[in-house]
Amino acid sequence: MVSAIQSALSGLQAFGTRIQSNANNVANANTDGFKKSRVILASTDPQGVKATVEKVNSPGTSVYQETSEGMELVELSNVDLGAELPEMIINSHAYEANLKTLQTADEMTGELLKITS
């Protein structure tokens, strides 16, 4: 049961990081020149998940905007809200699944302690 708790905690941290990244991307979607971040998940030994955050340096859409110096070409953010919002939903469900695993392991440990005492 300890391994279930460790893997669930690892999953909570990893998907928490993904949700934070999604939230940051959505919050900065209208910031000119903002580069979104992406979280890569990798398995770790003995059981668990490691989250690595990296910037996506692809250019955003360039548009002409009126500035104090006249019309200038401005690069918008490279965040696609059509991709971020569904990904955030998926990440929140994965977070909830890991939380439920942790709760179940805790209940199982409690029942085991009741039986042995």
C-alpha atoms as a PDB file:
ATOM      1  CA  MET A   1       0.000   0.000   0.000  1.00  0.00           C
ATOM      2  CA  VAL A   2       2.924   2.307   0.563  1.00  0.00           C
ATOM      3  CA  SER A   3       3.795   2.070  -3.137  1.00  0.00           C
ATOM      4  CA  ALA A   4       0.220   3.060  -4.052  1.00  0.00           C
ATOM      5  CA  ILE A   5       0.495   6.107  -1.810  1.00  0.00           C
ATOM      6  CA  GLN A   6       3.876   7.051  -3.264  1.00  0.00           C
ATOM      7  CA  SER A   7       2.711   6.732  -6.854  1.00  0.00           C
ATOM      8  CA  ALA A   8      -0.511   8.661  -6.124  1.00  0.00           C
ATOM      9  CA  LEU A   9       1.437  11.484  -4.446  1.00  0.00           C
ATOM     10  CA  SER A  10       3.799  11.570  -7.398  1.00  0.00           C
ATOM     11  CA  GLY A  11       0.825  11.766  -9.773  1.00  0.00           C
ATOM     12  CA  LEU A  12      -0.762  14.556  -7.710  1.00  0.00           C
ATOM     13  CA  GLN A  13       2.423  16.610  -7.925  1.00  0.00           C
ATOM     14  CA  ALA A  14       2.842  15.966 -11.653  1.00  0.00           C
ATOM     15  CA  PHE A  15      -0.733  16.791 -12.616  1.00  0.00           C
ATOM     16  CA  GLY A  16      -0.737  19.753 -10.229  1.00  0.00           C
ATOM     17  CA  THR A  17       2.238  21.076 -12.195  1.00  0.00           C
ATOM     18  CA  ARG A  18       0.362  20.522 -15.476  1.00  0.00           C
ATOM     19  CA  ILE A  19      -2.697  22.382 -14.140  1.00  0.00           C
ATOM     20  CA  GLN A  20      -0.494  25.290 -13.006  1.00  0.00           C
ATOM     21  CA  SER A  21       1.101  25.422 -16.452  1.00  0.00           C
ATOM     22  CA  ASN A  22      -2.335  25.429 -18.135  1.00  0.00           C
ATOM     23  CA  ALA A  23      -3.539  28.197 -15.831  1.00  0.00           C
ATOM     24  CA  ASN A  24      -0.450  30.310 -16.535  1.00  0.00           C
ATOM     25  CA  ASN A  25      -0.861  29.814 -20.281  1.00  0.00           C
ATOM     26  CA  VAL A  26      -4.551  30.778 -20.181  1.00  0.00           C
ATOM     27  CA  ALA A  27      -3.860  33.814 -17.985  1.00  0.00           C
ATOM     28  CA  ASN A  28      -1.238  35.084 -20.440  1.00  0.00           C
ATOM     29  CA  ALA A  29      -3.018  34.204 -23.684  1.00  0.00           C
ATOM     30  CA  ASN A  30      -3.511  37.898 -24.503  1.00  0.00           C
ATOM     31  CA  THR A  31       0.000  38.997 -23.523  1.00  0.00           C
ATOM     32  CA  ASP A  32       1.975  40.032 -26.606  1.00  0.00           C
ATOM     33  CA  GLY A  33       5.062  37.880 -27.138  1.00  0.00           C
ATOM     34  CA  PHE A  34       4.219  35.390 -24.366  1.00  0.00           C
ATOM     35  CA  LYS A  35       5.598  31.870 -24.926  1.00  0.00           C
ATOM     36  CA  LYS A  36       3.495  29.073 -23.507  1.00  0.00           C
ATOM     37  CA  SER A  37       4.932  26.337 -21.330  1.00  0.00           C
ATOM     38  CA  ARG A  38       4.454  22.621 -21.709  1.00  0.00           C
ATOM     39  CA  VAL A  39       4.855  19.887 -19.086  1.00  0.00           C
ATOM     40  CA  ILE A  40       6.464  16.607 -20.099  1.00  0.00           C
ATOM     41  CA  LEU A  41       5.724  13.585 -17.881  1.00  0.00           C
ATOM     42  CA  ALA A  42       8.188  10.722 -17.494  1.00  0.00           C
ATOM     43  CA  SER A  43       8.031   7.611 -15.346  1.00  0.00           C
ATOM     44  CA  THR A  44      10.485   7.234 -12.470  1.00  0.00           C
ATOM     45  CA  ASP A  45      11.702   4.222 -10.533  1.00  0.00           C
ATOM     46  CA  PRO A  46      10.443   2.510  -8.480  1.00  0.00           C
ATOM     47  CA  GLN A  47       7.003   4.024  -9.111  1.00  0.00           C
ATOM     48  CA  GLY A  48       6.042   7.512  -9.957  1.00  0.00           C
ATOM     49  CA  VAL A  49       5.968  10.365 -12.402  1.00  0.00           C
ATOM     50  CA  LYS A  50       8.375  13.248 -12.943  1.00  0.00           C
ATOM     51  CA  ALA A  51       7.102  16.513 -14.444  1.00  0.00           C
ATOM     52  CA  THR A  52       9.463  18.672 -16.477  1.00  0.00           C
ATOM     53  CA  VAL A  53       8.369  22.160 -17.542  1.00  0.00           C
ATOM     54  CA  GLU A  54       9.693  23.630 -20.771  1.00  0.00           C
ATOM     55  CA  LYS A  55       8.916  26.717 -22.859  1.00  0.00           C
ATOM     56  CA  VAL A  56       7.511  26.324 -26.351  1.00  0.00           C
ATOM     57  CA  ASN A  57       9.457  28.821 -28.450  1.00  0.00           C
ATOM     58  CA  SER A  58       7.320  28.615 -31.570  1.00  0.00           C
ATOM     59  CA  PRO A  59       6.341  32.099 -32.740  1.00  0.00           C
ATOM     60  CA  GLY A  60       2.888  33.466 -32.161  1.00  0.00           C
ATOM     61  CA  THR A  61       0.817  35.151 -34.830  1.00  0.00           C
ATOM     62  CA  SER A  62       2.212  38.499 -36.004  1.00  0.00           C
ATOM     63  CA  VAL A  63      -0.203  41.378 -36.546  1.00  0.00           C
ATOM     64  CA  TYR A  64       0.081  45.093 -37.155  1.00  0.00           C
ATOM     65  CA  GLN A  65      -0.990  47.174 -34.167  1.00  0.00           C
ATOM     66  CA  GLU A  66      -1.162  50.882 -33.547  1.00  0.00           C
ATOM     67  CA  THR A  67       1.535  51.979 -31.083  1.00  0.00           C
ATOM     68  CA  SER A  68       2.940  55.331 -29.990  1.00  0.00           C
ATOM     69  CA  GLU A  69       5.356  55.068 -32.928  1.00  0.00           C
ATOM     70  CA  GLY A  70       2.688  54.263 -35.524  1.00  0.00           C
ATOM     71  CA  MET A  71       1.819  50.880 -36.980  1.00  0.00           C
ATOM     72  CA  GLU A  72       4.191  48.137 -35.854  1.00  0.00           C
ATOM     73  CA  LEU A  73       4.360  44.383 -36.401  1.00  0.00           C
ATOM     74  CA  VAL A  74       3.681  42.756 -33.009  1.00  0.00           C
ATOM     75  CA  GLU A  75       3.996  39.065 -32.171  1.00  0.00           C
ATOM     76  CA  LEU A  76       1.040  37.759 -30.170  1.00  0.00           C
ATOM     77  CA  SER A  77       1.288  34.891 -27.689  1.00  0.00           C
ATOM     78  CA  ASN A  78       1.542  31.341 -29.021  1.00  0.00           C
ATOM     79  CA  VAL A  79      -1.180  30.055 -26.655  1.00  0.00           C
ATOM     80  CA  ASP A  80      -4.087  28.241 -28.302  1.00  0.00           C
ATOM     81  CA  LEU A  81      -7.065  28.397 -25.938  1.00  0.00           C
ATOM     82  CA  GLY A  82      -8.807  25.732 -28.014  1.00  0.00           C
ATOM     83  CA  ALA A  83      -6.069  23.314 -26.937  1.00  0.00           C
ATOM     84  CA  GLU A  84      -5.408  24.605 -23.406  1.00  0.00           C
ATOM     85  CA  LEU A  85      -8.929  24.357 -22.009  1.00  0.00           C
ATOM     86  CA  PRO A  86      -9.595  20.704 -22.955  1.00  0.00           C
ATOM     87  CA  GLU A  87      -6.118  19.806 -21.714  1.00  0.00           C
ATOM     88  CA  MET A  88      -6.898  21.506 -18.402  1.00  0.00           C
ATOM     89  CA  ILE A  89     -10.056  19.403 -18.047  1.00  0.00           C
ATOM     90  CA  ILE A  90      -8.118  16.200 -18.745  1.00  0.00           C
ATOM     91  CA  ASN A  91      -5.416  17.196 -16.252  1.00  0.00           C
ATOM     92  CA  SER A  92      -7.972  17.966 -13.550  1.00  0.00           C
ATOM     93  CA  HIS A  93      -9.576  14.537 -14.032  1.00  0.00           C
ATOM     94  CA  ALA A  94      -6.155  12.860 -13.780  1.00  0.00           C
ATOM     95  CA  TYR A  95      -5.485  14.866 -10.602  1.00  0.00           C
ATOM     96  CA  GLU A  96      -8.817  13.716  -9.135  1.00  0.00           C
ATOM     97  CA  ALA A  97      -8.042  10.092 -10.051  1.00  0.00           C
ATOM     98  CA  ASN A  98      -4.728  10.247  -8.193  1.00  0.00           C
ATOM     99  CA  LEU A  99      -6.451  11.884  -5.232  1.00  0.00           C
ATOM    100  CA  LYS A 100      -9.027   9.077  -5.175  1.00  0.00           C
ATOM    101  CA  THR A 101      -6.210   6.501  -5.277  1.00  0.00           C
ATOM    102  CA  LEU A 102      -4.626   8.194  -2.268  1.00  0.00           C
ATOM    103  CA  GLN A 103      -7.936   8.223  -0.390  1.00  0.00           C
ATOM    104  CA  THR A 104      -8.549   4.547  -1.170  1.00  0.00           C
ATOM    105  CA  ALA A 105      -5.056   3.550   0.012  1.00  0.00           C
ATOM    106  CA  ASP A 106      -5.646   5.532   3.203  1.00  0.00           C
ATOM    107  CA  GLU A 107      -8.979   3.760   3.810  1.00  0.00           C
ATOM    108  CA  MET A 108      -7.366   0.372   3.172  1.00  0.00           C
ATOM    109  CA  THR A 109      -4.591   1.143   5.669  1.00  0.00           C
ATOM    110  CA  GLY A 110      -7.186   2.219   8.234  1.00  0.00           C
ATOM    111  CA  GLU A 111      -9.162  -1.006   7.782  1.00  0.00           C
ATOM    112  CA  LEU A 112      -5.974  -3.059   8.076  1.00  0.00           C
ATOM    113  CA  LEU A 113      -5.107  -1.319  11.322  1.00  0.00           C
ATOM    114  CA  LYS A 114      -8.600  -2.014  12.673  1.00  0.00           C
ATOM    115  CA  ILE A 115      -8.243  -5.693  11.837  1.00  0.00           C
ATOM    116  CA  THR A 116      -4.834  -6.065  13.465  1.00  0.00           C
ATOM    117  CA  SER A 117      -5.747  -4.256  16.690  1.00  0.00           C
END
